Amino acid sequence: MSAPPRLGAVGFALAAAVIALALLGPLLAPASPTDFVGIPFQPPSAAALLGTDMLGRDVLSRVLCGGYKILGMSALATVIGVLTGALLGLAAGYAKGAADELIMRLLDVALAFPQTILALLFVSLIGPEPWLIVLVVAAIHAPQVARVARAATLRVAEEDFVRFAEAIGMSSGKIMVREILPNIVNPLMVELGLRFTYSIAIIAGLSFLGFGQQPPAPDWGLMINENRIGLASNPWPVVVPVLLIAILTIGTNLFTEAVARAALGLGDQPLPAGAAGAGEARA
């Protein structure tokens, strides 16, 4: 069952708390994330509130310093992917005809490849460069956002105000930017929240597999991979990053669902199946 809209505020608070922790964490860290403060996998103590990791580094400091890069890369990849997908979907939905078919068929080819495998392919060939990870994740999002934008554009393009703009000779570019784009913002905002959570999952997954930030850099995904062998001795190096990623994902999803429900005017009614994608299936 869908969560009631009031949980959108809870979701926003959860997501905002994790984001604030990631941004302010480096300023609050009690020690350098690369300093050795004890023996490996030491349990929590006064000197290390969350214990130590596989090399004896302070877990709390690594957690506080390990989130801002992954969130920054996720946010940048999401913005680039949503903007690119929105432009492609807008152009395809308004142009129609051969241009529409060409754009959508190329995007269908891109959608045929599994996301994680596609990301691993490029990263393994070129290397775990941050700019490459951002571009690959953005490219993964763009085809799916384009389908949403295209479906919304097809509906808006039939409205009278668009027909009037065409009748007075307004250029296609101006019609798309001034008349259509402002009227498809709601589904795009929903996609922005959803794609952000997917970006975090993909980038954290790449770090877990060793294709993200490289040691000794603090990184939540990398921490999970490095310290899983010591779960029995000190679980906090794994549990805390997992919890933070989970809380951020849940919070963002709750907030995104509330935005989608408000955009559709549903109030307390359940969100219809597929509404979060706002027309992801081709019209």
C-alpha atoms as a PDB file:
ATOM      1  CA  MET A   1       0.000   0.000   0.000  1.00  0.00           C
ATOM      2  CA  SER A   2       1.136   3.556  -0.681  1.00  0.00           C
ATOM      3  CA  ALA A   3       2.237   5.680   2.207  1.00  0.00           C
ATOM      4  CA  PRO A   4      -0.042   8.643   3.047  1.00  0.00           C
ATOM      5  CA  PRO A   5       1.137  12.046   1.811  1.00  0.00           C
ATOM      6  CA  ARG A   6       2.116  13.182   5.306  1.00  0.00           C
ATOM      7  CA  LEU A   7       4.981  10.709   5.151  1.00  0.00           C
ATOM      8  CA  GLY A   8       6.472  12.947   2.492  1.00  0.00           C
ATOM      9  CA  ALA A   9       7.575  15.296   5.272  1.00  0.00           C
ATOM     10  CA  VAL A  10       9.096  12.357   7.142  1.00  0.00           C
ATOM     11  CA  GLY A  11      10.888  11.265   3.982  1.00  0.00           C
ATOM     12  CA  PHE A  12      12.222  14.756   3.400  1.00  0.00           C
ATOM     13  CA  ALA A  13      13.491  14.926   7.000  1.00  0.00           C
ATOM     14  CA  LEU A  14      15.238  11.546   6.709  1.00  0.00           C
ATOM     15  CA  ALA A  15      16.882  12.379   3.389  1.00  0.00           C
ATOM     16  CA  ALA A  16      17.871  15.867   4.546  1.00  0.00           C
ATOM     17  CA  ALA A  17      19.433  14.483   7.727  1.00  0.00           C
ATOM     18  CA  VAL A  18      21.644  12.031   5.833  1.00  0.00           C
ATOM     19  CA  ILE A  19      22.614  14.672   3.248  1.00  0.00           C
ATOM     20  CA  ALA A  20      23.481  17.146   6.013  1.00  0.00           C
ATOM     21  CA  LEU A  21      25.554  14.475   7.758  1.00  0.00           C
ATOM     22  CA  ALA A  22      27.432  13.746   4.542  1.00  0.00           C
ATOM     23  CA  LEU A  23      28.100  17.421   3.808  1.00  0.00           C
ATOM     24  CA  LEU A  24      29.061  18.456   7.334  1.00  0.00           C
ATOM     25  CA  GLY A  25      30.701  15.172   8.294  1.00  0.00           C
ATOM     26  CA  PRO A  26      34.286  16.095   7.333  1.00  0.00           C
ATOM     27  CA  LEU A  27      34.050  19.092   9.660  1.00  0.00           C
ATOM     28  CA  LEU A  28      32.813  16.929  12.540  1.00  0.00           C
ATOM     29  CA  ALA A  29      35.171  13.960  12.177  1.00  0.00           C
ATOM     30  CA  PRO A  30      37.172  13.439  15.395  1.00  0.00           C
ATOM     31  CA  ALA A  31      40.220  12.146  13.498  1.00  0.00           C
ATOM     32  CA  SER A  32      41.613  11.852  10.008  1.00  0.00           C
ATOM     33  CA  PRO A  33      39.853   9.041   8.100  1.00  0.00           C
ATOM     34  CA  THR A  34      43.240   7.572   7.163  1.00  0.00           C
ATOM     35  CA  ASP A  35      44.905   7.685  10.615  1.00  0.00           C
ATOM     36  CA  PHE A  36      45.450   4.473  12.564  1.00  0.00           C
ATOM     37  CA  VAL A  37      43.901   4.774  16.020  1.00  0.00           C
ATOM     38  CA  GLY A  38      43.861   1.179  17.278  1.00  0.00           C
ATOM     39  CA  ILE A  39      44.025  -2.480  16.407  1.00  0.00           C
ATOM     40  CA  PRO A  40      41.885  -3.787  13.509  1.00  0.00           C
ATOM     41  CA  PHE A  41      38.199  -4.361  14.246  1.00  0.00           C
ATOM     42  CA  GLN A  42      38.399  -3.008  17.769  1.00  0.00           C
ATOM     43  CA  PRO A  43      34.917  -2.698  19.352  1.00  0.00           C
ATOM     44  CA  PRO A  44      33.514   0.758  20.164  1.00  0.00           C
ATOM     45  CA  SER A  45      35.352   2.602  22.914  1.00  0.00           C
ATOM     46  CA  ALA A  46      35.852   6.120  24.247  1.00  0.00           C
ATOM     47  CA  ALA A  47      38.707   6.651  21.783  1.00  0.00           C
ATOM     48  CA  ALA A  48      36.720   5.340  18.796  1.00  0.00           C
ATOM     49  CA  LEU A  49      32.952   5.580  19.283  1.00  0.00           C
ATOM     50  CA  LEU A  50      32.195   3.126  16.461  1.00  0.00           C
ATOM     51  CA  GLY A  51      35.362   1.094  16.856  1.00  0.00           C
ATOM     52  CA  THR A  52      38.003   0.573  14.197  1.00  0.00           C
ATOM     53  CA  ASP A  53      37.988  -0.947  10.724  1.00  0.00           C
ATOM     54  CA  MET A  54      40.097  -3.607   9.035  1.00  0.00           C
ATOM     55  CA  LEU A  55      43.281  -1.502   9.343  1.00  0.00           C
ATOM     56  CA  GLY A  56      42.601   0.101  12.715  1.00  0.00           C
ATOM     57  CA  ARG A  57      41.206   3.393  11.389  1.00  0.00           C
ATOM     58  CA  ASP A  58      38.429   5.277  13.174  1.00  0.00           C
ATOM     59  CA  VAL A  59      35.082   4.085  11.778  1.00  0.00           C
ATOM     60  CA  LEU A  60      33.181   7.199  12.848  1.00  0.00           C
ATOM     61  CA  SER A  61      35.627   9.474  11.029  1.00  0.00           C
ATOM     62  CA  ARG A  62      35.472   7.372   7.880  1.00  0.00           C
ATOM     63  CA  VAL A  63      31.663   7.367   7.978  1.00  0.00           C
ATOM     64  CA  LEU A  64      31.535  11.136   8.419  1.00  0.00           C
ATOM     65  CA  CYS A  65      34.025  11.710   5.595  1.00  0.00           C
ATOM     66  CA  GLY A  66      32.767   8.998   3.259  1.00  0.00           C
ATOM     67  CA  GLY A  67      29.416  10.341   2.103  1.00  0.00           C
ATOM     68  CA  TYR A  68      29.867  13.712   0.467  1.00  0.00           C
ATOM     69  CA  LYS A  69      31.653  12.425  -2.639  1.00  0.00           C
ATOM     70  CA  ILE A  70      29.178   9.660  -3.344  1.00  0.00           C
ATOM     71  CA  LEU A  71      26.249  12.053  -2.839  1.00  0.00           C
ATOM     72  CA  GLY A  72      27.893  14.748  -4.952  1.00  0.00           C
ATOM     73  CA  MET A  73      28.559  12.324  -7.806  1.00  0.00           C
ATOM     74  CA  SER A  74      25.025  10.939  -7.523  1.00  0.00           C
ATOM     75  CA  ALA A  75      23.468  14.402  -7.619  1.00  0.00           C
ATOM     76  CA  LEU A  76      25.540  15.485 -10.616  1.00  0.00           C
ATOM     77  CA  ALA A  77      24.821  12.270 -12.522  1.00  0.00           C
ATOM     78  CA  THR A  78      21.108  12.616 -11.776  1.00  0.00           C
ATOM     79  CA  VAL A  79      20.898  16.224 -12.957  1.00  0.00           C
ATOM     80  CA  ILE A  80      22.801  15.488 -16.179  1.00  0.00           C
ATOM     81  CA  GLY A  81      20.759  12.356 -16.864  1.00  0.00           C
ATOM     82  CA  VAL A  82      17.389  14.007 -16.211  1.00  0.00           C
ATOM     83  CA  LEU A  83      18.225  17.092 -18.283  1.00  0.00           C
ATOM     84  CA  THR A  84      19.496  15.005 -21.191  1.00  0.00           C
ATOM     85  CA  GLY A  85      16.530  12.646 -21.048  1.00  0.00           C
ATOM     86  CA  ALA A  86      14.069  15.533 -20.780  1.00  0.00           C
ATOM     87  CA  LEU A  87      15.489  17.222 -23.877  1.00  0.00           C
ATOM     88  CA  LEU A  88      15.459  13.993 -25.869  1.00  0.00           C
ATOM     89  CA  GLY A  89      11.922  13.114 -24.801  1.00  0.00           C
ATOM     90  CA  LEU A  90      10.696  16.643 -25.446  1.00  0.00           C
ATOM     91  CA  ALA A  91      12.170  16.656 -28.940  1.00  0.00           C
ATOM     92  CA  ALA A  92      10.829  13.196 -29.765  1.00  0.00           C
ATOM     93  CA  GLY A  93       7.346  13.865 -28.429  1.00  0.00           C
ATOM     94  CA  TYR A  94       6.940  17.179 -30.215  1.00  0.00           C
ATOM     95  CA  ALA A  95       8.637  16.318 -33.509  1.00  0.00           C
ATOM     96  CA  LYS A  96       6.862  12.963 -33.913  1.00  0.00           C
ATOM     97  CA  GLY A  97       7.257  11.086 -37.181  1.00  0.00           C
ATOM     98  CA  ALA A  98      10.674   9.871 -38.299  1.00  0.00           C
ATOM     99  CA  ALA A  99      12.590  11.937 -35.718  1.00  0.00           C
ATOM    100  CA  ASP A 100      10.512  10.432 -32.920  1.00  0.00           C
ATOM    101  CA  GLU A 101      11.066   6.905 -34.171  1.00  0.00           C
ATOM    102  CA  LEU A 102      14.812   7.416 -34.587  1.00  0.00           C
ATOM    103  CA  ILE A 103      15.308   8.852 -31.104  1.00  0.00           C
ATOM    104  CA  MET A 104      13.135   6.270 -29.375  1.00  0.00           C
ATOM    105  CA  ARG A 105      14.656   3.305 -31.204  1.00  0.00           C
ATOM    106  CA  LEU A 106      18.154   4.420 -30.230  1.00  0.00           C
ATOM    107  CA  LEU A 107      17.006   4.815 -26.631  1.00  0.00           C
ATOM    108  CA  ASP A 108      15.409   1.359 -26.725  1.00  0.00           C
ATOM    109  CA  VAL A 109      18.795  -0.075 -27.714  1.00  0.00           C
ATOM    110  CA  ALA A 110      20.395   1.668 -24.727  1.00  0.00           C
ATOM    111  CA  LEU A 111      17.671   0.307 -22.427  1.00  0.00           C
ATOM    112  CA  ALA A 112      18.394  -3.234 -23.585  1.00  0.00           C
ATOM    113  CA  PHE A 113      21.676  -3.321 -21.658  1.00  0.00           C
ATOM    114  CA  PRO A 114      21.586  -4.059 -17.893  1.00  0.00           C
ATOM    115  CA  GLN A 115      22.515  -0.918 -15.977  1.00  0.00           C
ATOM    116  CA  THR A 116      25.185  -2.302 -13.686  1.00  0.00           C
ATOM    117  CA  ILE A 117      26.841  -4.339 -16.438  1.00  0.00           C
ATOM    118  CA  LEU A 118      26.947  -1.292 -18.716  1.00  0.00           C
ATOM    119  CA  ALA A 119      28.555   0.790 -15.972  1.00  0.00           C
ATOM    120  CA  LEU A 120      31.076  -1.945 -15.189  1.00  0.00           C
ATOM    121  CA  LEU A 121      31.996  -2.252 -18.866  1.00  0.00           C
ATOM    122  CA  PHE A 122      33.006   1.383 -19.290  1.00  0.00           C
ATOM    123  CA  VAL A 123      34.640   1.711 -15.878  1.00  0.00           C
ATOM    124  CA  SER A 124      36.693  -1.453 -16.362  1.00  0.00           C
ATOM    125  CA  LEU A 125      37.876  -0.274 -19.787  1.00  0.00           C
ATOM    126  CA  ILE A 126      38.808   3.323 -18.900  1.00  0.00           C
ATOM    127  CA  GLY A 127      39.265   3.147 -15.142  1.00  0.00           C
ATOM    128  CA  PRO A 128      37.369   4.304 -12.031  1.00  0.00           C
ATOM    129  CA  GLU A 129      37.509   8.001 -12.888  1.00  0.00           C
ATOM    130  CA  PRO A 130      34.845  10.097 -11.089  1.00  0.00           C
ATOM    131  CA  TRP A 131      33.904  12.000 -14.261  1.00  0.00           C
ATOM    132  CA  LEU A 132      33.433   8.728 -16.131  1.00  0.00           C
ATOM    133  CA  ILE A 133      31.227   7.256 -13.402  1.00  0.00           C
ATOM    134  CA  VAL A 134      29.077  10.396 -13.422  1.00  0.00           C
ATOM    135  CA  LEU A 135      28.670  10.315 -17.206  1.00  0.00           C
ATOM    136  CA  VAL A 136      27.939   6.588 -17.308  1.00  0.00           C
ATOM    137  CA  VAL A 137      25.283   6.821 -14.598  1.00  0.00           C
ATOM    138  CA  ALA A 138      23.771   9.868 -16.341  1.00  0.00           C
ATOM    139  CA  ALA A 139      23.676   7.924 -19.611  1.00  0.00           C
ATOM    140  CA  ILE A 140      21.889   5.078 -17.832  1.00  0.00           C
ATOM    141  CA  HIS A 141      19.163   7.447 -16.605  1.00  0.00           C
ATOM    142  CA  ALA A 142      18.643   9.446 -19.805  1.00  0.00           C
ATOM    143  CA  PRO A 143      16.688   6.839 -21.856  1.00  0.00           C
ATOM    144  CA  GLN A 144      14.222   6.148 -19.054  1.00  0.00           C
ATOM    145  CA  VAL A 145      13.656   9.837 -18.350  1.00  0.00           C
ATOM    146  CA  ALA A 146      13.244  10.454 -22.086  1.00  0.00           C
ATOM    147  CA  ARG A 147      10.357   8.008 -22.241  1.00  0.00           C
ATOM    148  CA  VAL A 148       8.612   9.798 -19.376  1.00  0.00           C
ATOM    149  CA  ALA A 149       9.216  13.214 -20.952  1.00  0.00           C
ATOM    150  CA  ARG A 150       8.006  11.992 -24.349  1.00  0.00           C
ATOM    151  CA  ALA A 151       4.751  10.595 -22.958  1.00  0.00           C
ATOM    152  CA  ALA A 152       4.065  13.860 -21.103  1.00  0.00           C
ATOM    153  CA  THR A 153       4.968  15.908 -24.186  1.00  0.00           C
ATOM    154  CA  LEU A 154       2.559  13.974 -26.392  1.00  0.00           C
ATOM    155  CA  ARG A 155      -0.300  14.944 -24.092  1.00  0.00           C
ATOM    156  CA  VAL A 156       0.657  18.613 -23.738  1.00  0.00           C
ATOM    157  CA  ALA A 157       1.364  19.047 -27.459  1.00  0.00           C
ATOM    158  CA  GLU A 158      -2.350  18.558 -28.201  1.00  0.00           C
ATOM    159  CA  GLU A 159      -3.440  21.430 -25.943  1.00  0.00           C
ATOM    160  CA  ASP A 160      -4.985  24.567 -27.437  1.00  0.00           C
ATOM    161  CA  PHE A 161      -2.250  26.914 -26.213  1.00  0.00           C
ATOM    162  CA  VAL A 162       0.336  24.899 -28.153  1.00  0.00           C
ATOM    163  CA  ARG A 163      -1.828  24.980 -31.272  1.00  0.00           C
ATOM    164  CA  PHE A 164      -2.185  28.746 -30.882  1.00  0.00           C
ATOM    165  CA  ALA A 165       1.591  29.182 -30.573  1.00  0.00           C
ATOM    166  CA  GLU A 166       2.049  27.181 -33.777  1.00  0.00           C
ATOM    167  CA  ALA A 167      -0.637  29.235 -35.552  1.00  0.00           C
ATOM    168  CA  ILE A 168       1.083  32.541 -34.831  1.00  0.00           C
ATOM    169  CA  GLY A 169       4.367  31.231 -36.219  1.00  0.00           C
ATOM    170  CA  MET A 170       6.365  30.608 -33.023  1.00  0.00           C
ATOM    171  CA  SER A 171       9.425  28.469 -33.697  1.00  0.00           C
ATOM    172  CA  SER A 172       9.494  24.832 -32.604  1.00  0.00           C
ATOM    173  CA  GLY A 173      12.320  25.518 -30.169  1.00  0.00           C
ATOM    174  CA  LYS A 174      10.440  28.282 -28.422  1.00  0.00           C
ATOM    175  CA  ILE A 175       7.265  26.205 -28.286  1.00  0.00           C
ATOM    176  CA  MET A 176       9.099  23.324 -26.634  1.00  0.00           C
ATOM    177  CA  VAL A 177      10.920  25.541 -24.116  1.00  0.00           C
ATOM    178  CA  ARG A 178       8.235  28.110 -23.343  1.00  0.00           C
ATOM    179  CA  GLU A 179       4.973  26.227 -23.794  1.00  0.00           C
ATOM    180  CA  ILE A 180       5.586  22.512 -23.273  1.00  0.00           C
ATOM    181  CA  LEU A 181       8.522  22.232 -20.875  1.00  0.00           C
ATOM    182  CA  PRO A 182       6.870  24.171 -17.991  1.00  0.00           C
ATOM    183  CA  ASN A 183       3.874  21.831 -18.249  1.00  0.00           C
ATOM    184  CA  ILE A 184       5.867  18.614 -17.915  1.00  0.00           C
ATOM    185  CA  VAL A 185       7.938  19.719 -14.895  1.00  0.00           C
ATOM    186  CA  ASN A 186       5.912  17.657 -12.390  1.00  0.00           C
ATOM    187  CA  PRO A 187       6.755  14.209 -13.837  1.00  0.00           C
ATOM    188  CA  LEU A 188      10.344  15.332 -14.342  1.00  0.00           C
ATOM    189  CA  MET A 189      10.628  16.362 -10.682  1.00  0.00           C
ATOM    190  CA  VAL A 190       9.354  12.940  -9.669  1.00  0.00           C
ATOM    191  CA  GLU A 191      11.929  11.340 -11.948  1.00  0.00           C
ATOM    192  CA  LEU A 192      14.638  13.521 -10.421  1.00  0.00           C
ATOM    193  CA  GLY A 193      13.989  12.041  -6.977  1.00  0.00           C
ATOM    194  CA  LEU A 194      13.750   8.477  -8.229  1.00  0.00           C
ATOM    195  CA  ARG A 195      16.874   8.719 -10.354  1.00  0.00           C
ATOM    196  CA  PHE A 196      18.798  10.190  -7.432  1.00  0.00           C
ATOM    197  CA  THR A 197      18.183   7.062  -5.373  1.00  0.00           C
ATOM    198  CA  TYR A 198      19.162   4.877  -8.339  1.00  0.00           C
ATOM    199  CA  SER A 199      22.359   6.909  -8.779  1.00  0.00           C
ATOM    200  CA  ILE A 200      23.307   6.324  -5.153  1.00  0.00           C
ATOM    201  CA  ALA A 201      22.680   2.588  -5.500  1.00  0.00           C
ATOM    202  CA  ILE A 202      24.717   2.303  -8.711  1.00  0.00           C
ATOM    203  CA  ILE A 203      27.660   4.397  -7.516  1.00  0.00           C
ATOM    204  CA  ALA A 204      27.737   2.703  -4.100  1.00  0.00           C
ATOM    205  CA  GLY A 205      27.559  -0.659  -5.873  1.00  0.00           C
ATOM    206  CA  LEU A 206      30.514   0.260  -8.083  1.00  0.00           C
ATOM    207  CA  SER A 207      32.489   1.278  -4.990  1.00  0.00           C
ATOM    208  CA  PHE A 208      31.588  -2.006  -3.312  1.00  0.00           C
ATOM    209  CA  LEU A 209      32.913  -3.898  -6.349  1.00  0.00           C
ATOM    210  CA  GLY A 210      36.130  -1.866  -6.325  1.00  0.00           C
ATOM    211  CA  PHE A 211      35.343   0.353  -9.323  1.00  0.00           C
ATOM    212  CA  GLY A 212      34.586   3.543  -7.395  1.00  0.00           C
ATOM    213  CA  GLN A 213      36.892   5.499  -5.123  1.00  0.00           C
ATOM    214  CA  GLN A 214      40.080   3.621  -4.394  1.00  0.00           C
ATOM    215  CA  PRO A 215      41.644   2.907  -0.977  1.00  0.00           C
ATOM    216  CA  PRO A 216      42.482   4.548   1.345  1.00  0.00           C
ATOM    217  CA  ALA A 217      39.742   7.055   0.450  1.00  0.00           C
ATOM    218  CA  PRO A 218      36.726   6.900   2.786  1.00  0.00           C
ATOM    219  CA  ASP A 219      33.648   5.797   0.873  1.00  0.00           C
ATOM    220  CA  TRP A 220      30.464   4.158   2.144  1.00  0.00           C
ATOM    221  CA  GLY A 221      30.350   1.516  -0.584  1.00  0.00           C
ATOM    222  CA  LEU A 222      34.043   0.745  -0.228  1.00  0.00           C
ATOM    223  CA  MET A 223      33.698   0.496   3.559  1.00  0.00           C
ATOM    224  CA  ILE A 224      31.043  -2.202   3.205  1.00  0.00           C
ATOM    225  CA  ASN A 225      33.309  -4.249   0.953  1.00  0.00           C
ATOM    226  CA  GLU A 226      36.472  -3.799   2.994  1.00  0.00           C
ATOM    227  CA  ASN A 227      35.010  -4.600   6.394  1.00  0.00           C
ATOM    228  CA  ARG A 228      32.539  -7.389   5.718  1.00  0.00           C
ATOM    229  CA  ILE A 229      35.136  -9.942   6.814  1.00  0.00           C
ATOM    230  CA  GLY A 230      35.069  -8.496  10.336  1.00  0.00           C
ATOM    231  CA  LEU A 231      31.312  -8.441  10.954  1.00  0.00           C
ATOM    232  CA  ALA A 232      31.634 -10.758  13.928  1.00  0.00           C
ATOM    233  CA  SER A 233      34.312  -8.612  15.601  1.00  0.00           C
ATOM    234  CA  ASN A 234      32.966  -5.133  14.882  1.00  0.00           C
ATOM    235  CA  PRO A 235      29.881  -4.847  12.644  1.00  0.00           C
ATOM    236  CA  TRP A 236      29.684  -1.028  12.712  1.00  0.00           C
ATOM    237  CA  PRO A 237      31.990  -0.363   9.712  1.00  0.00           C
ATOM    238  CA  VAL A 238      29.422  -2.244   7.600  1.00  0.00           C
ATOM    239  CA  VAL A 239      26.151  -1.599   9.436  1.00  0.00           C
ATOM    240  CA  VAL A 240      26.404   2.205   9.615  1.00  0.00           C
ATOM    241  CA  PRO A 241      27.065   2.826   5.881  1.00  0.00           C
ATOM    242  CA  VAL A 242      24.305   0.364   4.970  1.00  0.00           C
ATOM    243  CA  LEU A 243      21.866   2.121   7.318  1.00  0.00           C
ATOM    244  CA  LEU A 244      22.745   5.568   5.978  1.00  0.00           C
ATOM    245  CA  ILE A 245      22.262   4.492   2.360  1.00  0.00           C
ATOM    246  CA  ALA A 246      19.003   2.739   3.270  1.00  0.00           C
ATOM    247  CA  ILE A 247      17.654   5.748   5.210  1.00  0.00           C
ATOM    248  CA  LEU A 248      18.528   8.104   2.365  1.00  0.00           C
ATOM    249  CA  THR A 249      16.870   5.834  -0.188  1.00  0.00           C
ATOM    250  CA  ILE A 250      13.716   5.352   1.871  1.00  0.00           C
ATOM    251  CA  GLY A 251      13.473   9.045   2.699  1.00  0.00           C
ATOM    252  CA  THR A 252      13.898  10.107  -0.926  1.00  0.00           C
ATOM    253  CA  ASN A 253      11.344   7.570  -2.118  1.00  0.00           C
ATOM    254  CA  LEU A 254       8.772   8.692   0.466  1.00  0.00           C
ATOM    255  CA  PHE A 255       9.268  12.327  -0.477  1.00  0.00           C
ATOM    256  CA  THR A 256       9.145  11.550  -4.210  1.00  0.00           C
ATOM    257  CA  GLU A 257       5.929   9.576  -3.794  1.00  0.00           C
ATOM    258  CA  ALA A 258       4.354  12.475  -1.918  1.00  0.00           C
ATOM    259  CA  VAL A 259       5.365  14.861  -4.705  1.00  0.00           C
ATOM    260  CA  ALA A 260       3.896  12.522  -7.313  1.00  0.00           C
ATOM    261  CA  ARG A 261       0.636  12.226  -5.388  1.00  0.00           C
ATOM    262  CA  ALA A 262       0.383  15.987  -4.976  1.00  0.00           C
ATOM    263  CA  ALA A 263       1.087  16.522  -8.675  1.00  0.00           C
ATOM    264  CA  LEU A 264      -1.683  14.097  -9.579  1.00  0.00           C
ATOM    265  CA  GLY A 265      -4.085  15.605  -7.028  1.00  0.00           C
ATOM    266  CA  LEU A 266      -4.652  12.282  -5.284  1.00  0.00           C
ATOM    267  CA  GLY A 267      -4.541  13.489  -1.683  1.00  0.00           C
ATOM    268  CA  ASP A 268      -4.695  10.446   0.599  1.00  0.00           C
ATOM    269  CA  GLN A 269      -5.583   8.058  -2.238  1.00  0.00           C
ATOM    270  CA  PRO A 270      -3.079   5.354  -3.151  1.00  0.00           C
ATOM    271  CA  LEU A 271      -0.682   6.172  -5.950  1.00  0.00           C
ATOM    272  CA  PRO A 272      -1.732   4.330  -9.130  1.00  0.00           C
ATOM    273  CA  ALA A 273       0.615   1.638 -10.388  1.00  0.00           C
ATOM    274  CA  GLY A 274       3.203   3.199 -12.667  1.00  0.00           C
ATOM    275  CA  ALA A 275       2.311   6.757 -11.694  1.00  0.00           C
ATOM    276  CA  ALA A 276       5.726   7.339 -10.203  1.00  0.00           C
ATOM    277  CA  GLY A 277       7.089   6.888 -13.678  1.00  0.00           C
ATOM    278  CA  ALA A 278       4.456   9.255 -15.037  1.00  0.00           C
ATOM    279  CA  GLY A 279       4.060   7.529 -18.347  1.00  0.00           C
ATOM    280  CA  GLU A 280       7.272   5.597 -18.635  1.00  0.00           C
ATOM    281  CA  ALA A 281       5.559   3.168 -20.945  1.00  0.00           C
ATOM    282  CA  ARG A 282       5.478   4.547 -24.446  1.00  0.00           C
ATOM    283  CA  ALA A 283       2.221   6.164 -25.481  1.00  0.00           C
END
